[in-house]
Amino acid sequence: MERDKKIPMVIDVLACTQYGFLKMPNLLVEALMMIKLNGREYLVFLAVLRITLGFHKRLDWLSCTQITALTGIDANNVSKVKRRLLHRRLLISVGKKLGINTQLAEWQHHDGTSFDVTRLASFKWVNTRQEQGQIQPENGLILATKEVEVDPHKRHIQKKEKHLLKNKQQPNSTSLVLPEFVEQGLWSRFVEHRQVMHAPLSEYAQQLLLNKLTELHQQGQNIEAVIEQSVMNNYKGFFPVANQRDKQVDKGFAQQRTRRNAEVFAKFVNRGKEPCYDRS
């Protein structure tokens, strides 16, 4: 009978940083040790901490089902616990996203009293070095409420707007000298046209285009017509305009042919014969 007994399989898992780790501020750990939380509140807080700071995020979309999978708490109880933590300002929400409120002075106890951050072991150390300028406030207690409350998507839009504004100011360079045949207003309109096309010009690109205009000017091109052609047709560069002189030559040839046909017609009328048109 002893031979029929199955030996249970033992799985040895070593918890080490090689398989991943969670980066937490020391002040947050000390505050978590001093705040009064029951078992479910503590587990839900750790679940949100794991999904957000564990993936280097301030906020993330976290459903009750995900928290249940992490903690084993029923989904209905997860929703209640989450509301209590939001009411006590341990968690913050932006839309459907959750995150840890790193502004520790906003935390509240069960009775509604504010959390005393001065009781933290590292408070004096952080406060002293902030006053001396050895560390920035973002690394201590003042973890930038604005950074927490701003939606990451909006922060991306603000960064893009700053980049566009920087590119918009680039073309107005004082070191760029326009040739005499290029008007300042006409050139500014072309630069603005490139910005609208989301293809702003650097100073070097402007110099290359001015060299192209100089080349076209030496070929006898009308520079104003060249620039207007690029703006009307959404060109990014400059190209020769259809030669007006060639058009005048073609028009003169047509006039000569019409006049020659009229002369032939008059000759045949005078002779009393049917006219014969010159088709050359």
C-alpha atoms as a PDB file:
ATOM      1  CA  MET A   1       0.000   0.000   0.000  1.00  0.00           C
ATOM      2  CA  GLU A   2       2.842   2.338   0.745  1.00  0.00           C
ATOM      3  CA  ARG A   3       4.083   1.955  -2.825  1.00  0.00           C
ATOM      4  CA  ASP A   4       0.714   3.210  -4.212  1.00  0.00           C
ATOM      5  CA  LYS A   5       0.980   6.532  -2.378  1.00  0.00           C
ATOM      6  CA  LYS A   6       1.747   9.449  -4.697  1.00  0.00           C
ATOM      7  CA  ILE A   7       4.493  11.766  -3.681  1.00  0.00           C
ATOM      8  CA  PRO A   8       3.222  15.371  -3.978  1.00  0.00           C
ATOM      9  CA  MET A   9       5.096  17.539  -6.468  1.00  0.00           C
ATOM     10  CA  VAL A  10       6.971  20.399  -4.879  1.00  0.00           C
ATOM     11  CA  ILE A  11       7.459  23.485  -7.039  1.00  0.00           C
ATOM     12  CA  ASP A  12      10.311  25.628  -5.858  1.00  0.00           C
ATOM     13  CA  VAL A  13       9.953  29.256  -7.021  1.00  0.00           C
ATOM     14  CA  LEU A  14      12.578  31.721  -5.949  1.00  0.00           C
ATOM     15  CA  ALA A  15      11.339  35.311  -5.638  1.00  0.00           C
ATOM     16  CA  CYS A  16      14.174  37.475  -6.892  1.00  0.00           C
ATOM     17  CA  THR A  17      14.529  40.689  -8.864  1.00  0.00           C
ATOM     18  CA  GLN A  18      15.683  38.725 -11.893  1.00  0.00           C
ATOM     19  CA  TYR A  19      12.026  37.853 -12.585  1.00  0.00           C
ATOM     20  CA  GLY A  20      10.850  41.453 -12.195  1.00  0.00           C
ATOM     21  CA  PHE A  21      10.467  43.859  -9.318  1.00  0.00           C
ATOM     22  CA  LEU A  22       8.268  46.705  -8.142  1.00  0.00           C
ATOM     23  CA  LYS A  23       9.849  50.126  -7.670  1.00  0.00           C
ATOM     24  CA  MET A  24       8.186  51.950  -4.765  1.00  0.00           C
ATOM     25  CA  PRO A  25       9.079  55.214  -3.004  1.00  0.00           C
ATOM     26  CA  ASN A  26      10.170  54.709   0.607  1.00  0.00           C
ATOM     27  CA  LEU A  27       7.674  57.313   1.796  1.00  0.00           C
ATOM     28  CA  LEU A  28       4.814  55.368   0.192  1.00  0.00           C
ATOM     29  CA  VAL A  29       5.881  52.158   1.949  1.00  0.00           C
ATOM     30  CA  GLU A  30       6.102  53.934   5.320  1.00  0.00           C
ATOM     31  CA  ALA A  31       2.696  55.572   4.797  1.00  0.00           C
ATOM     32  CA  LEU A  32       1.179  52.201   3.916  1.00  0.00           C
ATOM     33  CA  MET A  33       2.531  50.745   7.163  1.00  0.00           C
ATOM     34  CA  MET A  34       1.029  53.556   9.259  1.00  0.00           C
ATOM     35  CA  ILE A  35      -2.404  53.948   7.617  1.00  0.00           C
ATOM     36  CA  LYS A  36      -5.176  51.785   9.058  1.00  0.00           C
ATOM     37  CA  LEU A  37      -6.516  49.352   6.435  1.00  0.00           C
ATOM     38  CA  ASN A  38      -8.503  46.158   6.767  1.00  0.00           C
ATOM     39  CA  GLY A  39      -7.562  43.002   4.894  1.00  0.00           C
ATOM     40  CA  ARG A  40      -9.616  43.642   1.742  1.00  0.00           C
ATOM     41  CA  GLU A  41      -8.605  47.293   1.521  1.00  0.00           C
ATOM     42  CA  TYR A  42      -4.953  46.340   1.810  1.00  0.00           C
ATOM     43  CA  LEU A  43      -5.255  43.696  -0.954  1.00  0.00           C
ATOM     44  CA  VAL A  44      -7.081  46.023  -3.357  1.00  0.00           C
ATOM     45  CA  PHE A  45      -4.528  48.766  -2.717  1.00  0.00           C
ATOM     46  CA  LEU A  46      -1.679  46.343  -3.493  1.00  0.00           C
ATOM     47  CA  ALA A  47      -3.453  45.161  -6.662  1.00  0.00           C
ATOM     48  CA  VAL A  48      -3.720  48.727  -7.966  1.00  0.00           C
ATOM     49  CA  LEU A  49      -0.113  49.330  -6.945  1.00  0.00           C
ATOM     50  CA  ARG A  50       1.020  46.237  -8.861  1.00  0.00           C
ATOM     51  CA  ILE A  51      -0.793  47.189 -12.087  1.00  0.00           C
ATOM     52  CA  THR A  52       0.210  50.877 -12.089  1.00  0.00           C
ATOM     53  CA  LEU A  53       3.630  51.419 -10.520  1.00  0.00           C
ATOM     54  CA  GLY A  54       4.559  47.845 -11.373  1.00  0.00           C
ATOM     55  CA  PHE A  55       4.354  48.794 -15.052  1.00  0.00           C
ATOM     56  CA  HIS A  56       5.767  52.329 -14.525  1.00  0.00           C
ATOM     57  CA  LYS A  57       2.351  53.974 -14.970  1.00  0.00           C
ATOM     58  CA  ARG A  58       0.578  56.637 -12.935  1.00  0.00           C
ATOM     59  CA  LEU A  59      -2.885  55.522 -14.012  1.00  0.00           C
ATOM     60  CA  ASP A  60      -4.301  52.463 -15.735  1.00  0.00           C
ATOM     61  CA  TRP A  61      -7.676  50.962 -16.576  1.00  0.00           C
ATOM     62  CA  LEU A  62      -8.378  48.281 -13.954  1.00  0.00           C
ATOM     63  CA  SER A  63     -11.650  46.319 -13.784  1.00  0.00           C
ATOM     64  CA  CYS A  64     -13.107  44.554 -10.747  1.00  0.00           C
ATOM     65  CA  THR A  65     -12.544  41.226 -12.528  1.00  0.00           C
ATOM     66  CA  GLN A  66      -8.807  41.910 -12.758  1.00  0.00           C
ATOM     67  CA  ILE A  67      -8.612  42.814  -9.081  1.00  0.00           C
ATOM     68  CA  THR A  68     -10.568  39.632  -8.237  1.00  0.00           C
ATOM     69  CA  ALA A  69      -8.065  37.560 -10.224  1.00  0.00           C
ATOM     70  CA  LEU A  70      -5.180  39.158  -8.314  1.00  0.00           C
ATOM     71  CA  THR A  71      -6.659  39.092  -4.806  1.00  0.00           C
ATOM     72  CA  GLY A  72      -9.368  36.385  -4.787  1.00  0.00           C
ATOM     73  CA  ILE A  73     -11.933  38.867  -3.420  1.00  0.00           C
ATOM     74  CA  ASP A  74     -15.464  38.676  -4.853  1.00  0.00           C
ATOM     75  CA  ALA A  75     -16.148  41.275  -7.569  1.00  0.00           C
ATOM     76  CA  ASN A  76     -19.047  42.845  -5.645  1.00  0.00           C
ATOM     77  CA  ASN A  77     -16.861  43.365  -2.585  1.00  0.00           C
ATOM     78  CA  VAL A  78     -14.051  44.715  -4.774  1.00  0.00           C
ATOM     79  CA  SER A  79     -16.347  47.500  -6.008  1.00  0.00           C
ATOM     80  CA  LYS A  80     -17.252  48.475  -2.417  1.00  0.00           C
ATOM     81  CA  VAL A  81     -13.648  48.453  -1.244  1.00  0.00           C
ATOM     82  CA  LYS A  82     -12.571  50.495  -4.245  1.00  0.00           C
ATOM     83  CA  ARG A  83     -15.169  53.175  -3.452  1.00  0.00           C
ATOM     84  CA  ARG A  84     -13.943  53.356   0.165  1.00  0.00           C
ATOM     85  CA  LEU A  85     -10.319  53.804  -0.928  1.00  0.00           C
ATOM     86  CA  LEU A  86     -11.330  56.513  -3.416  1.00  0.00           C
ATOM     87  CA  HIS A  87     -13.334  58.278  -0.688  1.00  0.00           C
ATOM     88  CA  ARG A  88     -10.322  58.174   1.634  1.00  0.00           C
ATOM     89  CA  ARG A  89      -8.120  59.541  -1.192  1.00  0.00           C
ATOM     90  CA  LEU A  90      -5.696  56.599  -1.116  1.00  0.00           C
ATOM     91  CA  LEU A  91      -6.655  55.968  -4.729  1.00  0.00           C
ATOM     92  CA  ILE A  92      -7.425  58.475  -7.466  1.00  0.00           C
ATOM     93  CA  SER A  93      -9.428  58.029 -10.649  1.00  0.00           C
ATOM     94  CA  VAL A  94      -9.384  59.838 -13.983  1.00  0.00           C
ATOM     95  CA  GLY A  95     -12.292  58.582 -16.061  1.00  0.00           C
ATOM     96  CA  LYS A  96     -12.139  54.780 -15.843  1.00  0.00           C
ATOM     97  CA  LYS A  97      -8.478  54.732 -14.867  1.00  0.00           C
ATOM     98  CA  LEU A  98      -7.198  54.103 -11.338  1.00  0.00           C
ATOM     99  CA  GLY A  99      -3.940  55.004  -9.671  1.00  0.00           C
ATOM    100  CA  ILE A 100      -2.186  55.468  -6.340  1.00  0.00           C
ATOM    101  CA  ASN A 101      -2.476  58.936  -4.821  1.00  0.00           C
ATOM    102  CA  THR A 102       1.167  59.785  -4.172  1.00  0.00           C
ATOM    103  CA  GLN A 103       0.171  63.088  -2.557  1.00  0.00           C
ATOM    104  CA  LEU A 104       0.293  61.512   0.899  1.00  0.00           C
ATOM    105  CA  ALA A 105      -1.025  64.565   2.750  1.00  0.00           C
ATOM    106  CA  GLU A 106      -4.424  63.998   1.085  1.00  0.00           C
ATOM    107  CA  TRP A 107      -4.858  60.521   2.569  1.00  0.00           C
ATOM    108  CA  GLN A 108      -7.571  60.133   5.231  1.00  0.00           C
ATOM    109  CA  HIS A 109      -8.188  57.729   8.095  1.00  0.00           C
ATOM    110  CA  HIS A 110     -11.469  55.859   8.659  1.00  0.00           C
ATOM    111  CA  ASP A 111     -12.763  58.690  10.872  1.00  0.00           C
ATOM    112  CA  GLY A 112     -12.109  61.302   8.157  1.00  0.00           C
ATOM    113  CA  THR A 113      -9.026  62.866   9.771  1.00  0.00           C
ATOM    114  CA  SER A 114      -6.072  63.700   7.553  1.00  0.00           C
ATOM    115  CA  PHE A 115      -2.987  61.527   7.472  1.00  0.00           C
ATOM    116  CA  ASP A 116      -0.057  63.092   9.333  1.00  0.00           C
ATOM    117  CA  VAL A 117       2.946  62.881   6.986  1.00  0.00           C
ATOM    118  CA  THR A 118       5.271  64.376   9.619  1.00  0.00           C
ATOM    119  CA  ARG A 119       5.167  61.056  11.488  1.00  0.00           C
ATOM    120  CA  LEU A 120       6.888  59.235   8.645  1.00  0.00           C
ATOM    121  CA  ALA A 121      10.418  58.100   9.383  1.00  0.00           C
ATOM    122  CA  SER A 122      11.871  59.629   6.197  1.00  0.00           C
ATOM    123  CA  PHE A 123       9.950  62.901   6.410  1.00  0.00           C
ATOM    124  CA  LYS A 124      12.687  64.909   8.146  1.00  0.00           C
ATOM    125  CA  TRP A 125      15.380  63.506   5.854  1.00  0.00           C
ATOM    126  CA  VAL A 126      13.434  64.386   2.696  1.00  0.00           C
ATOM    127  CA  ASN A 127      12.303  67.775   3.987  1.00  0.00           C
ATOM    128  CA  THR A 128      15.843  68.794   4.960  1.00  0.00           C
ATOM    129  CA  ARG A 129      17.333  67.867   1.598  1.00  0.00           C
ATOM    130  CA  GLN A 130      14.549  69.601  -0.298  1.00  0.00           C
ATOM    131  CA  GLU A 131      15.297  72.818   1.557  1.00  0.00           C
ATOM    132  CA  GLN A 132      19.001  72.426   0.780  1.00  0.00           C
ATOM    133  CA  GLY A 133      18.210  71.786  -2.901  1.00  0.00           C
ATOM    134  CA  GLN A 134      19.944  68.390  -2.906  1.00  0.00           C
ATOM    135  CA  ILE A 135      16.838  66.596  -4.242  1.00  0.00           C
ATOM    136  CA  GLN A 136      13.904  67.749  -6.331  1.00  0.00           C
ATOM    137  CA  PRO A 137      10.368  67.857  -4.851  1.00  0.00           C
ATOM    138  CA  GLU A 138       9.245  65.174  -7.344  1.00  0.00           C
ATOM    139  CA  ASN A 139      11.435  62.649  -5.500  1.00  0.00           C
ATOM    140  CA  GLY A 140       9.993  63.473  -2.108  1.00  0.00           C
ATOM    141  CA  LEU A 141       6.598  64.242  -0.621  1.00  0.00           C
ATOM    142  CA  ILE A 142       5.493  66.756  -3.243  1.00  0.00           C
ATOM    143  CA  LEU A 143       4.930  64.346  -6.100  1.00  0.00           C
ATOM    144  CA  ALA A 144       3.279  66.900  -8.390  1.00  0.00           C
ATOM    145  CA  THR A 145      -0.498  66.683  -8.088  1.00  0.00           C
ATOM    146  CA  LYS A 146      -0.760  68.123 -11.611  1.00  0.00           C
ATOM    147  CA  GLU A 147       1.229  65.229 -13.026  1.00  0.00           C
ATOM    148  CA  VAL A 148      -1.140  62.736 -11.391  1.00  0.00           C
ATOM    149  CA  GLU A 149      -4.377  64.418 -12.419  1.00  0.00           C
ATOM    150  CA  VAL A 150      -3.436  65.065 -16.058  1.00  0.00           C
ATOM    151  CA  ASP A 151      -4.575  62.352 -18.443  1.00  0.00           C
ATOM    152  CA  PRO A 152      -1.520  60.784 -20.189  1.00  0.00           C
ATOM    153  CA  HIS A 153      -3.240  61.327 -23.567  1.00  0.00           C
ATOM    154  CA  LYS A 154      -3.646  65.057 -22.839  1.00  0.00           C
ATOM    155  CA  ARG A 155      -0.034  65.245 -21.704  1.00  0.00           C
ATOM    156  CA  HIS A 156       0.987  63.784 -25.091  1.00  0.00           C
ATOM    157  CA  ILE A 157      -1.112  66.427 -26.897  1.00  0.00           C
ATOM    158  CA  GLN A 158       0.459  69.232 -24.844  1.00  0.00           C
ATOM    159  CA  LYS A 159       3.938  67.933 -25.691  1.00  0.00           C
ATOM    160  CA  LYS A 160       3.016  67.834 -29.403  1.00  0.00           C
ATOM    161  CA  GLU A 161       1.667  71.403 -29.283  1.00  0.00           C
ATOM    162  CA  LYS A 162       4.924  72.619 -27.714  1.00  0.00           C
ATOM    163  CA  HIS A 163       6.874  70.845 -30.466  1.00  0.00           C
ATOM    164  CA  LEU A 164       4.762  72.497 -33.187  1.00  0.00           C
ATOM    165  CA  LEU A 165       5.174  75.901 -31.534  1.00  0.00           C
ATOM    166  CA  LYS A 166       8.947  75.408 -31.454  1.00  0.00           C
ATOM    167  CA  ASN A 167       8.990  74.504 -35.149  1.00  0.00           C
ATOM    168  CA  LYS A 168       6.798  77.501 -35.915  1.00  0.00           C
ATOM    169  CA  GLN A 169       9.346  79.822 -34.345  1.00  0.00           C
ATOM    170  CA  GLN A 170      12.300  78.211 -36.145  1.00  0.00           C
ATOM    171  CA  PRO A 171      11.850  79.803 -39.599  1.00  0.00           C
ATOM    172  CA  ASN A 172      12.113  83.328 -38.213  1.00  0.00           C
ATOM    173  CA  SER A 173      15.868  83.170 -38.052  1.00  0.00           C
ATOM    174  CA  THR A 174      17.859  86.386 -38.056  1.00  0.00           C
ATOM    175  CA  SER A 175      20.845  84.780 -39.845  1.00  0.00           C
ATOM    176  CA  LEU A 176      18.805  84.078 -43.014  1.00  0.00           C
ATOM    177  CA  VAL A 177      19.239  86.751 -45.705  1.00  0.00           C
ATOM    178  CA  LEU A 178      16.723  86.920 -48.556  1.00  0.00           C
ATOM    179  CA  PRO A 179      17.874  87.841 -52.079  1.00  0.00           C
ATOM    180  CA  GLU A 180      16.722  91.158 -53.518  1.00  0.00           C
ATOM    181  CA  PHE A 181      14.261  89.514 -55.925  1.00  0.00           C
ATOM    182  CA  VAL A 182      12.399  87.691 -53.117  1.00  0.00           C
ATOM    183  CA  GLU A 183       9.900  89.763 -51.141  1.00  0.00           C
ATOM    184  CA  GLN A 184       9.781  89.222 -47.381  1.00  0.00           C
ATOM    185  CA  GLY A 185       5.980  88.972 -47.272  1.00  0.00           C
ATOM    186  CA  LEU A 186       5.855  86.473 -50.141  1.00  0.00           C
ATOM    187  CA  TRP A 187       8.497  84.301 -48.503  1.00  0.00           C
ATOM    188  CA  SER A 188       6.706  84.417 -45.131  1.00  0.00           C
ATOM    189  CA  ARG A 189       3.490  83.205 -46.785  1.00  0.00           C
ATOM    190  CA  PHE A 190       5.353  80.257 -48.326  1.00  0.00           C
ATOM    191  CA  VAL A 191       6.911  79.357 -44.952  1.00  0.00           C
ATOM    192  CA  GLU A 192       3.451  79.488 -43.357  1.00  0.00           C
ATOM    193  CA  HIS A 193       2.158  77.291 -46.199  1.00  0.00           C
ATOM    194  CA  ARG A 194       4.772  74.646 -45.327  1.00  0.00           C
ATOM    195  CA  GLN A 195       3.752  74.763 -41.670  1.00  0.00           C
ATOM    196  CA  VAL A 196       0.109  74.153 -42.592  1.00  0.00           C
ATOM    197  CA  MET A 197       1.276  71.130 -44.611  1.00  0.00           C
ATOM    198  CA  HIS A 198       2.980  69.822 -41.396  1.00  0.00           C
ATOM    199  CA  ALA A 199       6.353  70.166 -43.122  1.00  0.00           C
ATOM    200  CA  PRO A 200       8.085  73.068 -41.348  1.00  0.00           C
ATOM    201  CA  LEU A 201      11.341  74.392 -42.741  1.00  0.00           C
ATOM    202  CA  SER A 202      14.630  74.468 -40.927  1.00  0.00           C
ATOM    203  CA  GLU A 203      17.092  77.264 -41.621  1.00  0.00           C
ATOM    204  CA  TYR A 204      19.195  74.956 -43.795  1.00  0.00           C
ATOM    205  CA  ALA A 205      16.142  73.889 -45.824  1.00  0.00           C
ATOM    206  CA  GLN A 206      15.191  77.532 -46.373  1.00  0.00           C
ATOM    207  CA  GLN A 207      18.701  78.284 -47.640  1.00  0.00           C
ATOM    208  CA  LEU A 208      18.482  75.395 -50.134  1.00  0.00           C
ATOM    209  CA  LEU A 209      15.141  76.662 -51.431  1.00  0.00           C
ATOM    210  CA  LEU A 210      16.532  80.184 -51.792  1.00  0.00           C
ATOM    211  CA  ASN A 211      19.395  78.748 -53.839  1.00  0.00           C
ATOM    212  CA  LYS A 212      16.804  77.090 -56.072  1.00  0.00           C
ATOM    213  CA  LEU A 213      14.991  80.401 -56.484  1.00  0.00           C
ATOM    214  CA  THR A 214      18.274  82.054 -57.425  1.00  0.00           C
ATOM    215  CA  GLU A 215      18.817  79.422 -60.107  1.00  0.00           C
ATOM    216  CA  LEU A 216      15.299  79.938 -61.489  1.00  0.00           C
ATOM    217  CA  HIS A 217      15.790  83.703 -61.419  1.00  0.00           C
ATOM    218  CA  GLN A 218      18.923  83.357 -63.550  1.00  0.00           C
ATOM    219  CA  GLN A 219      16.863  81.335 -66.055  1.00  0.00           C
ATOM    220  CA  GLY A 220      14.485  84.260 -66.457  1.00  0.00           C
ATOM    221  CA  GLN A 221      11.660  82.898 -64.321  1.00  0.00           C
ATOM    222  CA  ASN A 222       9.233  85.194 -62.515  1.00  0.00           C
ATOM    223  CA  ILE A 223       9.969  84.447 -58.843  1.00  0.00           C
ATOM    224  CA  GLU A 224       6.587  85.662 -57.625  1.00  0.00           C
ATOM    225  CA  ALA A 225       4.838  83.328 -60.094  1.00  0.00           C
ATOM    226  CA  VAL A 226       7.086  80.430 -59.051  1.00  0.00           C
ATOM    227  CA  ILE A 227       6.250  80.847 -55.342  1.00  0.00           C
ATOM    228  CA  GLU A 228       2.532  81.329 -55.998  1.00  0.00           C
ATOM    229  CA  GLN A 229       2.527  78.185 -58.154  1.00  0.00           C
ATOM    230  CA  SER A 230       3.986  76.158 -55.240  1.00  0.00           C
ATOM    231  CA  VAL A 231       1.424  77.526 -52.780  1.00  0.00           C
ATOM    232  CA  MET A 232      -1.588  76.942 -55.065  1.00  0.00           C
ATOM    233  CA  ASN A 233      -0.551  73.380 -55.965  1.00  0.00           C
ATOM    234  CA  ASN A 234       0.676  72.404 -52.459  1.00  0.00           C
ATOM    235  CA  TYR A 235       4.234  71.932 -53.665  1.00  0.00           C
ATOM    236  CA  LYS A 236       6.975  71.623 -51.064  1.00  0.00           C
ATOM    237  CA  GLY A 237       9.598  72.984 -53.448  1.00  0.00           C
ATOM    238  CA  PHE A 238       9.954  75.339 -56.421  1.00  0.00           C
ATOM    239  CA  PHE A 239       9.583  74.410 -60.084  1.00  0.00           C
ATOM    240  CA  PRO A 240       9.706  76.408 -63.344  1.00  0.00           C
ATOM    241  CA  VAL A 241       6.459  77.998 -64.453  1.00  0.00           C
ATOM    242  CA  ALA A 242       5.180  77.257 -67.995  1.00  0.00           C
ATOM    243  CA  ASN A 243       7.080  79.615 -70.298  1.00  0.00           C
ATOM    244  CA  GLN A 244       4.914  82.610 -71.150  1.00  0.00           C
ATOM    245  CA  ARG A 245       7.161  83.382 -74.131  1.00  0.00           C
ATOM    246  CA  ASP A 246       6.384  80.010 -75.744  1.00  0.00           C
ATOM    247  CA  LYS A 247       2.682  80.687 -75.349  1.00  0.00           C
ATOM    248  CA  GLN A 248       3.054  84.003 -77.149  1.00  0.00           C
ATOM    249  CA  VAL A 249       4.895  82.268 -80.018  1.00  0.00           C
ATOM    250  CA  ASP A 250       2.119  79.692 -80.335  1.00  0.00           C
ATOM    251  CA  LYS A 251      -0.490  82.425 -80.291  1.00  0.00           C
ATOM    252  CA  GLY A 252       1.401  84.325 -83.031  1.00  0.00           C
ATOM    253  CA  PHE A 253       1.542  81.216 -85.226  1.00  0.00           C
ATOM    254  CA  ALA A 254      -2.214  80.743 -84.868  1.00  0.00           C
ATOM    255  CA  GLN A 255      -2.834  84.354 -85.854  1.00  0.00           C
ATOM    256  CA  GLN A 256      -0.598  83.960 -88.921  1.00  0.00           C
ATOM    257  CA  ARG A 257      -2.466  80.843 -90.039  1.00  0.00           C
ATOM    258  CA  THR A 258      -5.835  82.572 -89.634  1.00  0.00           C
ATOM    259  CA  ARG A 259      -4.644  85.545 -91.629  1.00  0.00           C
ATOM    260  CA  ARG A 260      -3.237  83.293 -94.365  1.00  0.00           C
ATOM    261  CA  ASN A 261      -6.513  81.359 -94.648  1.00  0.00           C
ATOM    262  CA  ALA A 262      -8.407  84.636 -94.974  1.00  0.00           C
ATOM    263  CA  GLU A 263      -6.153  85.728 -97.841  1.00  0.00           C
ATOM    264  CA  VAL A 264      -6.654  82.428 -99.684  1.00  0.00           C
ATOM    265  CA  PHE A 265     -10.385  82.686 -99.197  1.00  0.00           C
ATOM    266  CA  ALA A 266     -10.436  86.213-100.637  1.00  0.00           C
ATOM    267  CA  LYS A 267      -8.482  85.132-103.747  1.00  0.00           C
ATOM    268  CA  PHE A 268     -10.898  82.357-104.613  1.00  0.00           C
ATOM    269  CA  VAL A 269     -13.910  84.581-104.055  1.00  0.00           C
ATOM    270  CA  ASN A 270     -12.500  87.105-106.495  1.00  0.00           C
ATOM    271  CA  ARG A 271     -12.025  84.342-109.113  1.00  0.00           C
ATOM    272  CA  GLY A 272     -15.578  83.032-108.662  1.00  0.00           C
ATOM    273  CA  LYS A 273     -14.458  79.631-107.411  1.00  0.00           C
ATOM    274  CA  GLU A 274     -15.225  77.747-104.211  1.00  0.00           C
ATOM    275  CA  PRO A 275     -12.829  78.540-101.439  1.00  0.00           C
ATOM    276  CA  CYS A 276     -10.106  76.098-100.496  1.00  0.00           C
ATOM    277  CA  TYR A 277      -8.790  76.312 -96.953  1.00  0.00           C
ATOM    278  CA  ASP A 278      -5.163  76.039 -96.175  1.00  0.00           C
ATOM    279  CA  ARG A 279      -4.849  73.107 -93.730  1.00  0.00           C
ATOM    280  CA  SER A 280      -1.148  73.527 -93.104  1.00  0.00           C
END
